[in-house]
Amino acid sequence: MESELEYKLFKCPFCYMKYKTITGLKEHIGKSHSNGIITCPICKYMFTSYLSFQKHLHFSNDELHQNLLYLFKKGQHKFLKKDLFIFDEETNMSKFEFLINYVYYFKCPFCDYKVNILSKLKLHIFAHHYDKELICPYCNAKFENLNDLIDHLEYYRDDKHRNLYYLLTNKFEKINDVKQFLMS
């Protein structure tokens, strides 16, 4: 059991560096990734200051953003899930990277397109499905264009129809429901 712990390394979510302790990882992040332009490794938004990036992490209400925020905070944080950052030699990535690359993505309800940024999914839908005949992915009703489908989605009160309606009409007060729905 002791030798197993010796080989666990914590991988930086911003670069290729690996550290024997979570404290070493936190020090590296503080020195190497808190200056200049910072790109969020989860949603790929870019920030020109550490303060704006920290606000982004603070106001994002998902587990990955919150754990990334805990890595930037000084001292030990009781909510930090350290196992997210443990490097797995078999997959050649940490659990954090695996979740970003293979779990936290959004699938187009009309084709097989997948993307990890919700706004890109909306752009894809409007660019590739706007003028085409569409079939509602939930009840198989047919529509001549996206506007007719949006009218249909607004009419139905079940979660699936409503969430797609929220996505397509910029009614983002329910965006967390949309994200959770599209990731499943």
N, C-alpha and C. Protein backbone atom coordinates (compact mmCIF):
# COMPACT_ATOMS: atom_id res chain seq x y z
N MET A 1 0.83 -1.19 0.00
CA MET A 1 0.00 0.00 0.00
C MET A 1 0.87 1.25 0.00
N GLU A 2 1.97 1.22 0.76
CA GLU A 2 2.83 2.39 0.86
C GLU A 2 3.52 2.69 -0.48
N SER A 3 3.96 1.66 -1.18
CA SER A 3 4.63 1.88 -2.47
C SER A 3 3.66 2.41 -3.51
N GLU A 4 2.37 2.06 -3.38
CA GLU A 4 1.37 2.56 -4.33
C GLU A 4 1.24 4.08 -4.19
N LEU A 5 1.27 4.59 -2.95
CA LEU A 5 1.16 6.02 -2.72
C LEU A 5 2.38 6.78 -3.23
N GLU A 6 3.54 6.16 -3.22
CA GLU A 6 4.76 6.80 -3.68
C GLU A 6 4.69 7.20 -5.14
N TYR A 7 3.97 6.46 -5.94
CA TYR A 7 3.97 6.68 -7.38
C TYR A 7 2.83 7.56 -7.87
N LYS A 8 1.97 8.02 -6.97
CA LYS A 8 0.90 8.91 -7.38
C LYS A 8 1.46 10.31 -7.59
N LEU A 9 1.19 10.84 -8.76
CA LEU A 9 1.63 12.19 -9.08
C LEU A 9 0.41 13.06 -9.37
N PHE A 10 0.50 14.33 -9.00
CA PHE A 10 -0.58 15.27 -9.27
C PHE A 10 -0.21 16.07 -10.50
N LYS A 11 -1.08 16.04 -11.52
CA LYS A 11 -0.79 16.70 -12.80
C LYS A 11 -1.43 18.08 -12.86
N CYS A 12 -0.68 19.02 -13.35
CA CYS A 12 -1.16 20.39 -13.52
C CYS A 12 -2.26 20.42 -14.59
N PRO A 13 -3.40 21.07 -14.34
CA PRO A 13 -4.45 21.14 -15.35
C PRO A 13 -4.15 22.11 -16.49
N PHE A 14 -3.07 22.89 -16.35
CA PHE A 14 -2.71 23.88 -17.37
C PHE A 14 -1.55 23.44 -18.26
N CYS A 15 -0.72 22.53 -17.79
CA CYS A 15 0.45 22.13 -18.57
C CYS A 15 0.77 20.65 -18.29
N TYR A 16 1.94 20.21 -18.70
CA TYR A 16 2.33 18.81 -18.60
C TYR A 16 3.00 18.46 -17.27
N MET A 17 3.27 19.43 -16.41
CA MET A 17 4.04 19.21 -15.18
C MET A 17 3.28 18.32 -14.19
N LYS A 18 4.07 17.49 -13.46
CA LYS A 18 3.50 16.59 -12.46
C LYS A 18 4.28 16.77 -11.15
N TYR A 19 3.57 16.62 -10.02
CA TYR A 19 4.18 16.84 -8.71
C TYR A 19 3.81 15.72 -7.76
N LYS A 20 4.71 15.45 -6.80
CA LYS A 20 4.50 14.37 -5.83
C LYS A 20 3.45 14.74 -4.79
N THR A 21 3.27 16.03 -4.54
CA THR A 21 2.29 16.46 -3.53
C THR A 21 1.35 17.49 -4.12
N ILE A 22 0.19 17.60 -3.50
CA ILE A 22 -0.78 18.61 -3.93
C ILE A 22 -0.23 20.01 -3.62
N THR A 23 0.57 20.13 -2.56
CA THR A 23 1.18 21.41 -2.21
C THR A 23 2.16 21.84 -3.30
N GLY A 24 2.94 20.90 -3.82
CA GLY A 24 3.86 21.21 -4.93
C GLY A 24 3.10 21.68 -6.16
N LEU A 25 1.99 21.02 -6.45
CA LEU A 25 1.15 21.42 -7.58
C LEU A 25 0.61 22.82 -7.38
N LYS A 26 0.11 23.11 -6.18
CA LYS A 26 -0.46 24.43 -5.89
C LYS A 26 0.62 25.52 -6.02
N GLU A 27 1.82 25.24 -5.53
CA GLU A 27 2.92 26.22 -5.66
C GLU A 27 3.26 26.47 -7.12
N HIS A 28 3.32 25.42 -7.91
CA HIS A 28 3.59 25.55 -9.34
C HIS A 28 2.53 26.43 -10.01
N ILE A 29 1.25 26.16 -9.73
CA ILE A 29 0.16 26.92 -10.34
C ILE A 29 0.26 28.39 -9.94
N GLY A 30 0.55 28.65 -8.66
CA GLY A 30 0.67 30.02 -8.18
C GLY A 30 1.80 30.78 -8.86
N LYS A 31 2.91 30.09 -9.12
CA LYS A 31 4.08 30.74 -9.73
C LYS A 31 3.97 30.81 -11.26
N SER A 32 3.46 29.76 -11.87
CA SER A 32 3.53 29.66 -13.33
C SER A 32 2.25 30.03 -14.07
N HIS A 33 1.11 29.99 -13.39
CA HIS A 33 -0.15 30.16 -14.12
C HIS A 33 -1.05 31.25 -13.56
N SER A 34 -0.49 32.16 -12.78
CA SER A 34 -1.33 33.24 -12.25
C SER A 34 -0.93 34.60 -12.82
N ASN A 35 -0.13 34.61 -13.86
CA ASN A 35 0.28 35.86 -14.50
C ASN A 35 -0.06 35.81 -15.99
N GLY A 36 -0.21 36.98 -16.58
CA GLY A 36 -0.46 37.06 -18.02
C GLY A 36 -1.84 36.56 -18.39
N ILE A 37 -2.00 36.12 -19.61
CA ILE A 37 -3.29 35.63 -20.09
C ILE A 37 -3.49 34.21 -19.57
N ILE A 38 -4.65 33.97 -18.97
CA ILE A 38 -4.97 32.66 -18.41
C ILE A 38 -6.16 32.10 -19.19
N THR A 39 -6.03 30.89 -19.67
CA THR A 39 -7.13 30.21 -20.36
C THR A 39 -7.70 29.15 -19.44
N CYS A 40 -9.00 29.22 -19.21
CA CYS A 40 -9.66 28.23 -18.38
C CYS A 40 -9.56 26.87 -19.09
N PRO A 41 -8.98 25.87 -18.45
CA PRO A 41 -8.84 24.57 -19.11
C PRO A 41 -10.18 23.83 -19.27
N ILE A 42 -11.22 24.31 -18.61
CA ILE A 42 -12.52 23.64 -18.68
C ILE A 42 -13.36 24.19 -19.82
N CYS A 43 -13.55 25.51 -19.83
CA CYS A 43 -14.46 26.09 -20.83
C CYS A 43 -13.72 26.89 -21.91
N LYS A 44 -12.41 26.98 -21.81
CA LYS A 44 -11.54 27.61 -22.82
C LYS A 44 -11.70 29.12 -22.93
N TYR A 45 -12.37 29.77 -21.97
CA TYR A 45 -12.44 31.22 -21.97
C TYR A 45 -11.08 31.78 -21.57
N MET A 46 -10.72 32.92 -22.14
CA MET A 46 -9.42 33.54 -21.85
C MET A 46 -9.61 34.77 -20.96
N PHE A 47 -8.67 34.97 -20.02
CA PHE A 47 -8.73 36.07 -19.07
C PHE A 47 -7.40 36.80 -19.07
N THR A 48 -7.46 38.13 -19.01
CA THR A 48 -6.24 38.93 -19.04
C THR A 48 -5.66 39.16 -17.66
N SER A 49 -6.39 38.79 -16.62
CA SER A 49 -5.85 38.95 -15.27
C SER A 49 -6.25 37.75 -14.41
N TYR A 50 -5.44 37.54 -13.40
CA TYR A 50 -5.72 36.46 -12.45
C TYR A 50 -7.03 36.74 -11.71
N LEU A 51 -7.30 38.00 -11.39
CA LEU A 51 -8.51 38.36 -10.67
C LEU A 51 -9.77 38.02 -11.46
N SER A 52 -9.78 38.33 -12.75
CA SER A 52 -10.96 38.01 -13.56
C SER A 52 -11.12 36.49 -13.72
N PHE A 53 -10.01 35.78 -13.82
CA PHE A 53 -10.07 34.31 -13.89
C PHE A 53 -10.61 33.74 -12.58
N GLN A 54 -10.14 34.28 -11.46
CA GLN A 54 -10.60 33.82 -10.15
C GLN A 54 -12.11 34.08 -9.98
N LYS A 55 -12.59 35.21 -10.46
CA LYS A 55 -14.03 35.50 -10.40
C LYS A 55 -14.81 34.49 -11.25
N HIS A 56 -14.26 34.18 -12.42
CA HIS A 56 -14.88 33.18 -13.30
C HIS A 56 -15.01 31.85 -12.56
N LEU A 57 -13.95 31.42 -11.92
CA LEU A 57 -13.97 30.15 -11.18
C LEU A 57 -14.96 30.21 -10.03
N HIS A 58 -14.97 31.34 -9.33
CA HIS A 58 -15.84 31.50 -8.16
C HIS A 58 -17.33 31.43 -8.53
N PHE A 59 -17.70 32.05 -9.66
CA PHE A 59 -19.11 32.12 -10.03
C PHE A 59 -19.58 30.97 -10.92
N SER A 60 -18.68 30.09 -11.29
CA SER A 60 -19.08 28.89 -12.04
C SER A 60 -19.51 27.85 -11.03
N ASN A 61 -20.70 27.36 -11.18
CA ASN A 61 -21.27 26.47 -10.16
C ASN A 61 -21.14 25.00 -10.51
N ASP A 62 -19.98 24.58 -10.98
CA ASP A 62 -19.79 23.16 -11.23
C ASP A 62 -18.55 22.67 -10.49
N GLU A 63 -18.49 21.39 -10.30
CA GLU A 63 -17.44 20.77 -9.49
C GLU A 63 -16.03 21.03 -10.05
N LEU A 64 -15.86 20.99 -11.34
CA LEU A 64 -14.53 21.16 -11.92
C LEU A 64 -14.00 22.57 -11.71
N HIS A 65 -14.82 23.57 -11.97
CA HIS A 65 -14.39 24.96 -11.76
C HIS A 65 -14.09 25.21 -10.28
N GLN A 66 -14.92 24.68 -9.40
CA GLN A 66 -14.71 24.90 -7.97
C GLN A 66 -13.41 24.26 -7.49
N ASN A 67 -13.10 23.06 -7.97
CA ASN A 67 -11.85 22.41 -7.57
C ASN A 67 -10.64 23.14 -8.13
N LEU A 68 -10.77 23.69 -9.30
CA LEU A 68 -9.68 24.48 -9.86
C LEU A 68 -9.46 25.73 -9.01
N LEU A 69 -10.54 26.35 -8.56
CA LEU A 69 -10.44 27.51 -7.67
C LEU A 69 -9.70 27.15 -6.39
N TYR A 70 -10.00 25.97 -5.81
CA TYR A 70 -9.33 25.55 -4.58
C TYR A 70 -7.83 25.36 -4.78
N LEU A 71 -7.42 24.99 -6.00
CA LEU A 71 -5.98 24.85 -6.27
C LEU A 71 -5.27 26.20 -6.21
N PHE A 72 -5.97 27.27 -6.56
CA PHE A 72 -5.37 28.60 -6.55
C PHE A 72 -5.34 29.22 -5.16
N LYS A 73 -6.16 28.75 -4.26
CA LYS A 73 -6.22 29.34 -2.92
C LYS A 73 -5.05 28.86 -2.08
N LYS A 74 -4.58 29.74 -1.23
CA LYS A 74 -3.46 29.40 -0.35
C LYS A 74 -3.92 28.44 0.75
N GLY A 75 -3.00 27.58 1.20
CA GLY A 75 -3.31 26.64 2.27
C GLY A 75 -4.10 25.45 1.79
N GLN A 76 -4.43 24.59 2.73
CA GLN A 76 -5.22 23.40 2.40
C GLN A 76 -6.70 23.77 2.39
N HIS A 77 -7.43 23.25 1.44
CA HIS A 77 -8.86 23.51 1.37
C HIS A 77 -9.60 22.21 1.54
N LYS A 78 -10.52 22.17 2.51
CA LYS A 78 -11.19 20.91 2.85
C LYS A 78 -12.08 20.36 1.74
N PHE A 79 -12.50 21.21 0.78
CA PHE A 79 -13.38 20.75 -0.28
C PHE A 79 -12.64 20.29 -1.54
N LEU A 80 -11.32 20.52 -1.59
CA LEU A 80 -10.53 20.13 -2.77
C LEU A 80 -10.54 18.61 -2.93
N LYS A 81 -10.96 18.15 -4.09
CA LYS A 81 -10.95 16.71 -4.40
C LYS A 81 -9.62 16.41 -5.08
N LYS A 82 -8.64 16.02 -4.29
CA LYS A 82 -7.29 15.80 -4.77
C LYS A 82 -7.22 14.72 -5.85
N ASP A 83 -8.09 13.71 -5.74
CA ASP A 83 -8.04 12.61 -6.69
C ASP A 83 -8.33 13.05 -8.12
N LEU A 84 -8.95 14.22 -8.31
CA LEU A 84 -9.20 14.73 -9.65
C LEU A 84 -7.90 15.02 -10.40
N PHE A 85 -6.84 15.33 -9.66
CA PHE A 85 -5.59 15.78 -10.27
C PHE A 85 -4.49 14.72 -10.26
N ILE A 86 -4.81 13.51 -9.80
CA ILE A 86 -3.83 12.42 -9.79
C ILE A 86 -3.64 11.92 -11.22
N PHE A 87 -2.40 11.86 -11.64
CA PHE A 87 -2.05 11.41 -12.99
C PHE A 87 -2.18 9.90 -13.08
N ASP A 88 -2.86 9.43 -14.12
CA ASP A 88 -3.04 8.00 -14.36
C ASP A 88 -2.18 7.62 -15.57
N GLU A 89 -1.17 6.80 -15.34
CA GLU A 89 -0.26 6.43 -16.44
C GLU A 89 -0.95 5.61 -17.52
N GLU A 90 -1.97 4.86 -17.14
CA GLU A 90 -2.68 4.03 -18.11
C GLU A 90 -3.40 4.88 -19.16
N THR A 91 -4.06 5.95 -18.72
CA THR A 91 -4.78 6.83 -19.65
C THR A 91 -3.93 8.02 -20.08
N ASN A 92 -2.81 8.22 -19.41
CA ASN A 92 -1.89 9.33 -19.68
C ASN A 92 -2.55 10.69 -19.43
N MET A 93 -3.44 10.74 -18.44
CA MET A 93 -4.09 11.99 -18.07
C MET A 93 -4.65 11.87 -16.66
N SER A 94 -5.02 13.02 -16.10
CA SER A 94 -5.66 13.01 -14.79
C SER A 94 -7.16 12.82 -14.98
N LYS A 95 -7.85 12.53 -13.89
CA LYS A 95 -9.31 12.40 -13.95
C LYS A 95 -9.93 13.73 -14.38
N PHE A 96 -9.35 14.83 -13.94
CA PHE A 96 -9.79 16.17 -14.33
C PHE A 96 -9.78 16.32 -15.85
N GLU A 97 -8.66 15.95 -16.48
CA GLU A 97 -8.55 16.03 -17.94
C GLU A 97 -9.53 15.08 -18.63
N PHE A 98 -9.69 13.89 -18.06
CA PHE A 98 -10.63 12.93 -18.64
C PHE A 98 -12.05 13.49 -18.64
N LEU A 99 -12.46 14.07 -17.51
CA LEU A 99 -13.81 14.64 -17.42
C LEU A 99 -14.02 15.76 -18.44
N ILE A 100 -13.01 16.60 -18.60
CA ILE A 100 -13.12 17.71 -19.56
C ILE A 100 -13.21 17.16 -20.99
N ASN A 101 -12.36 16.21 -21.31
CA ASN A 101 -12.26 15.73 -22.70
C ASN A 101 -13.32 14.72 -23.11
N TYR A 102 -13.84 13.94 -22.15
CA TYR A 102 -14.72 12.85 -22.54
C TYR A 102 -16.09 12.84 -21.86
N VAL A 103 -16.28 13.61 -20.83
CA VAL A 103 -17.56 13.59 -20.13
C VAL A 103 -18.30 14.92 -20.28
N TYR A 104 -17.60 16.02 -20.02
CA TYR A 104 -18.24 17.33 -20.04
C TYR A 104 -18.25 17.92 -21.44
N TYR A 105 -19.07 17.35 -22.29
CA TYR A 105 -19.24 17.88 -23.64
C TYR A 105 -20.73 17.93 -23.93
N PHE A 106 -21.08 18.68 -24.95
CA PHE A 106 -22.48 18.85 -25.31
C PHE A 106 -22.71 18.27 -26.70
N LYS A 107 -23.74 17.46 -26.85
CA LYS A 107 -24.03 16.82 -28.13
C LYS A 107 -25.20 17.52 -28.79
N CYS A 108 -25.05 17.77 -30.08
CA CYS A 108 -26.11 18.35 -30.87
C CYS A 108 -27.30 17.38 -30.90
N PRO A 109 -28.52 17.86 -30.64
CA PRO A 109 -29.67 16.96 -30.66
C PRO A 109 -30.10 16.54 -32.08
N PHE A 110 -29.48 17.14 -33.12
CA PHE A 110 -29.88 16.85 -34.50
C PHE A 110 -28.84 16.06 -35.28
N CYS A 111 -27.62 15.95 -34.76
CA CYS A 111 -26.58 15.18 -35.45
C CYS A 111 -25.57 14.69 -34.41
N ASP A 112 -24.44 14.16 -34.84
CA ASP A 112 -23.45 13.60 -33.91
C ASP A 112 -22.37 14.59 -33.46
N TYR A 113 -22.51 15.85 -33.79
CA TYR A 113 -21.53 16.87 -33.42
C TYR A 113 -21.46 17.02 -31.90
N LYS A 114 -20.23 17.06 -31.35
CA LYS A 114 -20.02 17.25 -29.92
C LYS A 114 -19.04 18.39 -29.71
N VAL A 115 -19.26 19.17 -28.67
CA VAL A 115 -18.40 20.30 -28.36
C VAL A 115 -18.41 20.52 -26.85
N ASN A 116 -17.33 21.10 -26.32
CA ASN A 116 -17.28 21.29 -24.87
C ASN A 116 -17.66 22.70 -24.42
N ILE A 117 -18.09 23.53 -25.35
CA ILE A 117 -18.52 24.89 -25.00
C ILE A 117 -19.94 25.08 -25.52
N LEU A 118 -20.84 25.40 -24.61
CA LEU A 118 -22.26 25.48 -24.95
C LEU A 118 -22.55 26.50 -26.05
N SER A 119 -21.88 27.65 -26.02
CA SER A 119 -22.13 28.67 -27.05
C SER A 119 -21.74 28.16 -28.44
N LYS A 120 -20.72 27.30 -28.52
CA LYS A 120 -20.33 26.73 -29.81
C LYS A 120 -21.40 25.76 -30.32
N LEU A 121 -22.07 25.07 -29.42
CA LEU A 121 -23.16 24.19 -29.83
C LEU A 121 -24.28 25.01 -30.46
N LYS A 122 -24.62 26.11 -29.84
CA LYS A 122 -25.68 26.96 -30.38
C LYS A 122 -25.28 27.48 -31.77
N LEU A 123 -24.04 27.94 -31.92
CA LEU A 123 -23.57 28.39 -33.23
C LEU A 123 -23.66 27.28 -34.27
N HIS A 124 -23.28 26.07 -33.87
CA HIS A 124 -23.36 24.93 -34.77
C HIS A 124 -24.80 24.70 -35.22
N ILE A 125 -25.73 24.70 -34.28
CA ILE A 125 -27.14 24.45 -34.62
C ILE A 125 -27.65 25.49 -35.61
N PHE A 126 -27.35 26.76 -35.36
CA PHE A 126 -27.84 27.81 -36.27
C PHE A 126 -27.12 27.78 -37.61
N ALA A 127 -25.86 27.38 -37.63
CA ALA A 127 -25.11 27.34 -38.89
C ALA A 127 -25.47 26.13 -39.75
N HIS A 128 -25.71 24.99 -39.13
CA HIS A 128 -25.88 23.75 -39.89
C HIS A 128 -27.30 23.22 -39.96
N HIS A 129 -28.19 23.74 -39.13
CA HIS A 129 -29.54 23.18 -39.09
C HIS A 129 -30.64 24.22 -39.26
N TYR A 130 -30.28 25.47 -39.52
CA TYR A 130 -31.26 26.56 -39.54
C TYR A 130 -32.32 26.40 -40.64
N ASP A 131 -31.89 26.18 -41.86
CA ASP A 131 -32.83 26.12 -42.98
C ASP A 131 -33.23 24.70 -43.38
N LYS A 132 -32.79 23.73 -42.65
CA LYS A 132 -33.08 22.34 -43.02
C LYS A 132 -34.37 21.87 -42.36
N GLU A 133 -34.97 20.87 -42.97
CA GLU A 133 -36.12 20.24 -42.33
C GLU A 133 -35.60 19.53 -41.08
N LEU A 134 -36.28 19.75 -39.98
CA LEU A 134 -35.83 19.18 -38.71
C LEU A 134 -36.89 18.29 -38.10
N ILE A 135 -36.43 17.32 -37.37
CA ILE A 135 -37.31 16.44 -36.62
C ILE A 135 -37.02 16.68 -35.14
N CYS A 136 -38.05 16.94 -34.38
CA CYS A 136 -37.87 17.13 -32.94
C CYS A 136 -37.24 15.86 -32.37
N PRO A 137 -36.11 15.99 -31.66
CA PRO A 137 -35.43 14.80 -31.14
C PRO A 137 -36.19 14.11 -30.02
N TYR A 138 -37.28 14.71 -29.54
CA TYR A 138 -37.99 14.15 -28.38
C TYR A 138 -39.35 13.55 -28.71
N CYS A 139 -40.00 14.04 -29.79
CA CYS A 139 -41.33 13.50 -30.11
C CYS A 139 -41.49 13.19 -31.60
N ASN A 140 -40.41 13.36 -32.37
CA ASN A 140 -40.37 13.03 -33.80
C ASN A 140 -41.29 13.87 -34.69
N ALA A 141 -41.78 15.01 -34.18
CA ALA A 141 -42.58 15.92 -35.02
C ALA A 141 -41.64 16.57 -36.05
N LYS A 142 -42.13 16.80 -37.29
CA LYS A 142 -41.32 17.36 -38.36
C LYS A 142 -41.61 18.84 -38.55
N PHE A 143 -40.53 19.60 -38.86
CA PHE A 143 -40.65 21.04 -39.05
C PHE A 143 -39.83 21.47 -40.24
N GLU A 144 -40.30 22.49 -40.95
CA GLU A 144 -39.61 22.96 -42.15
C GLU A 144 -38.33 23.73 -41.84
N ASN A 145 -38.27 24.37 -40.67
CA ASN A 145 -37.06 25.12 -40.32
C ASN A 145 -36.94 25.24 -38.80
N LEU A 146 -35.86 25.85 -38.36
CA LEU A 146 -35.56 25.95 -36.93
C LEU A 146 -36.58 26.83 -36.21
N ASN A 147 -37.07 27.89 -36.84
CA ASN A 147 -38.05 28.76 -36.17
C ASN A 147 -39.33 28.00 -35.83
N ASP A 148 -39.78 27.15 -36.74
CA ASP A 148 -40.98 26.35 -36.46
C ASP A 148 -40.72 25.38 -35.30
N LEU A 149 -39.52 24.81 -35.28
CA LEU A 149 -39.17 23.91 -34.19
C LEU A 149 -39.14 24.66 -32.86
N ILE A 150 -38.60 25.88 -32.84
CA ILE A 150 -38.54 26.68 -31.62
C ILE A 150 -39.96 26.95 -31.10
N ASP A 151 -40.89 27.27 -31.99
CA ASP A 151 -42.29 27.46 -31.58
C ASP A 151 -42.84 26.20 -30.94
N HIS A 152 -42.52 25.06 -31.51
CA HIS A 152 -42.94 23.76 -30.98
C HIS A 152 -42.34 23.53 -29.59
N LEU A 153 -41.05 23.81 -29.43
CA LEU A 153 -40.37 23.59 -28.15
C LEU A 153 -40.95 24.47 -27.06
N GLU A 154 -41.33 25.69 -27.41
CA GLU A 154 -41.91 26.61 -26.43
C GLU A 154 -43.27 26.10 -25.93
N TYR A 155 -44.02 25.46 -26.79
CA TYR A 155 -45.35 24.97 -26.45
C TYR A 155 -45.32 23.84 -25.41
N TYR A 156 -44.36 22.93 -25.54
CA TYR A 156 -44.29 21.78 -24.64
C TYR A 156 -43.67 22.14 -23.31
N ARG A 157 -44.17 21.56 -22.25
CA ARG A 157 -43.73 21.92 -20.89
C ARG A 157 -42.79 20.89 -20.26
N ASP A 158 -42.48 19.80 -20.93
CA ASP A 158 -41.57 18.83 -20.33
C ASP A 158 -40.13 19.36 -20.39
N ASP A 159 -39.26 18.84 -19.53
CA ASP A 159 -37.90 19.35 -19.39
C ASP A 159 -37.09 19.29 -20.68
N LYS A 160 -37.20 18.21 -21.41
CA LYS A 160 -36.39 18.07 -22.62
C LYS A 160 -36.72 19.16 -23.64
N HIS A 161 -37.99 19.35 -23.93
CA HIS A 161 -38.39 20.40 -24.88
C HIS A 161 -38.00 21.79 -24.36
N ARG A 162 -38.25 22.03 -23.07
CA ARG A 162 -37.98 23.35 -22.50
C ARG A 162 -36.48 23.68 -22.51
N ASN A 163 -35.65 22.72 -22.18
CA ASN A 163 -34.21 22.99 -22.13
C ASN A 163 -33.65 23.32 -23.50
N LEU A 164 -34.09 22.62 -24.52
CA LEU A 164 -33.63 22.95 -25.86
C LEU A 164 -34.17 24.33 -26.27
N TYR A 165 -35.37 24.64 -25.87
CA TYR A 165 -35.94 25.97 -26.13
C TYR A 165 -35.08 27.05 -25.46
N TYR A 166 -34.71 26.83 -24.18
CA TYR A 166 -33.86 27.81 -23.47
C TYR A 166 -32.54 28.02 -24.20
N LEU A 167 -31.93 26.94 -24.66
CA LEU A 167 -30.66 27.04 -25.37
C LEU A 167 -30.80 27.86 -26.65
N LEU A 168 -31.81 27.59 -27.43
CA LEU A 168 -31.95 28.22 -28.74
C LEU A 168 -32.47 29.65 -28.69
N THR A 169 -33.07 30.05 -27.58
CA THR A 169 -33.66 31.39 -27.51
C THR A 169 -32.97 32.33 -26.53
N ASN A 170 -31.80 31.95 -26.05
CA ASN A 170 -31.03 32.78 -25.11
C ASN A 170 -31.75 33.03 -23.80
N LYS A 171 -32.62 32.18 -23.41
CA LYS A 171 -33.28 32.31 -22.11
C LYS A 171 -32.43 31.53 -21.10
N PHE A 172 -31.32 32.15 -20.72
CA PHE A 172 -30.30 31.43 -19.96
C PHE A 172 -30.52 31.42 -18.46
N GLU A 173 -31.69 31.81 -17.97
CA GLU A 173 -31.93 31.70 -16.53
C GLU A 173 -31.95 30.23 -16.11
N LYS A 174 -32.13 29.34 -17.06
CA LYS A 174 -32.16 27.91 -16.77
C LYS A 174 -30.95 27.20 -17.38
N ILE A 175 -29.85 27.89 -17.58
CA ILE A 175 -28.73 27.33 -18.33
C ILE A 175 -28.11 26.11 -17.65
N ASN A 176 -28.09 26.04 -16.33
CA ASN A 176 -27.52 24.86 -15.67
C ASN A 176 -28.34 23.61 -15.98
N ASP A 177 -29.67 23.77 -16.09
CA ASP A 177 -30.50 22.63 -16.49
C ASP A 177 -30.17 22.21 -17.92
N VAL A 178 -29.95 23.20 -18.80
CA VAL A 178 -29.62 22.91 -20.19
C VAL A 178 -28.30 22.16 -20.25
N LYS A 179 -27.30 22.65 -19.54
CA LYS A 179 -25.99 21.99 -19.54
C LYS A 179 -26.10 20.55 -19.05
N GLN A 180 -26.77 20.37 -17.92
CA GLN A 180 -26.91 19.03 -17.36
C GLN A 180 -27.64 18.11 -18.32
N PHE A 181 -28.67 18.61 -18.98
CA PHE A 181 -29.44 17.82 -19.91
C PHE A 181 -28.62 17.43 -21.15
N LEU A 182 -27.89 18.40 -21.74
CA LEU A 182 -27.14 18.13 -22.96
C LEU A 182 -25.92 17.24 -22.72
N MET A 183 -25.41 17.22 -21.49
CA MET A 183 -24.25 16.38 -21.20
C MET A 183 -24.66 14.93 -20.97
N SER A 184 -25.93 14.67 -20.76
CA SER A 184 -26.34 13.30 -20.48
C SER A 184 -26.62 12.53 -21.75
